[in-house]
Amino acid sequence: MLAKFKILHKLTAAVLLIAAMVGGCVWYAQGRMTAIDDAYSVFLVREARAPASASRLNRI
C-alpha cells in the first residue's frame, strides 16, 4: 500500500504526525501550567493575608 507513494510524501506524513503529537503535548502542558499558576496565585494571596490576621489575633 505505501509502495505507491513517493518517499517525500512518506517523510512529510511522518513529520506532520510527530508535529501534531508535539503540538498536543504542548497544549496539554500549557493548560496544566495555567492551572498550577492559578492555584499558586491563590496560595500567595492567602499567604499575604496571614501576617495581618496573625497581628490582629495577637491584639485580642
Protein backbone atom coordinates (compact mmCIF):
# COMPACT_ATOMS: atom_id res chain seq x y z
CA MET A 1 0.00 0.00 0.00
CA LEU A 2 2.73 2.51 0.91
CA ALA A 3 4.86 1.40 -2.00
CA LYS A 4 2.94 3.58 -4.44
CA PHE A 5 3.73 6.80 -2.51
CA LYS A 6 6.94 8.71 -3.02
CA ILE A 7 9.45 8.85 -0.16
CA LEU A 8 8.95 12.60 0.19
CA HIS A 9 5.25 12.09 0.91
CA LYS A 10 6.03 9.39 3.46
CA LEU A 11 8.55 11.60 5.26
CA THR A 12 6.18 14.56 5.20
CA ALA A 13 3.41 12.44 6.71
CA ALA A 14 5.74 11.22 9.48
CA VAL A 15 6.92 14.73 10.27
CA LEU A 16 3.35 16.05 10.34
CA LEU A 17 2.29 13.24 12.68
CA ILE A 18 5.15 13.99 15.07
CA ALA A 19 4.40 17.72 14.88
CA ALA A 20 0.75 17.06 15.76
CA MET A 21 1.80 14.95 18.74
CA VAL A 22 4.22 17.61 19.96
CA GLY A 23 1.56 20.29 19.49
CA GLY A 24 -0.88 18.26 21.58
CA CYS A 25 1.69 17.78 24.32
CA VAL A 26 2.50 21.49 24.39
CA TRP A 27 -1.21 22.36 24.53
CA TYR A 28 -1.76 19.93 27.41
CA ALA A 29 1.31 21.16 29.33
CA GLN A 30 0.28 24.79 28.84
CA GLY A 31 -3.16 24.04 30.27
CA ARG A 32 -1.68 22.29 33.29
CA MET A 33 0.80 25.12 33.88
CA THR A 34 -2.04 27.65 33.79
CA ALA A 35 -3.90 25.64 36.42
CA ILE A 36 -0.78 25.44 38.58
CA ASP A 37 -0.20 29.18 38.21
CA ASP A 38 -3.78 29.96 39.23
CA ALA A 39 -3.55 27.73 42.28
CA TYR A 40 -0.21 29.23 43.31
CA SER A 41 -1.59 32.76 42.90
CA VAL A 42 -4.46 31.90 45.27
CA PHE A 43 -1.93 30.45 47.72
CA LEU A 44 0.17 33.61 47.63
CA VAL A 45 -2.84 35.85 48.22
CA ARG A 46 -3.85 33.79 51.24
CA GLU A 47 -0.27 33.72 52.49
CA ALA A 48 -0.06 37.51 52.25
CA ARG A 49 -3.18 37.86 54.40
CA ALA A 50 -1.81 35.56 57.13
CA PRO A 51 0.60 38.05 58.81
CA ALA A 52 -2.17 40.67 59.04
CA SER A 53 -4.52 38.16 60.58
CA ALA A 54 -1.84 36.98 62.99
CA SER A 55 -1.14 40.51 64.20
CA ARG A 56 -4.85 41.07 64.76
CA LEU A 57 -5.10 37.84 66.73
CA ASN A 58 -2.18 38.88 68.95
CA ARG A 59 -4.03 42.05 69.96
CA ILE A 60 -7.05 40.16 71.23
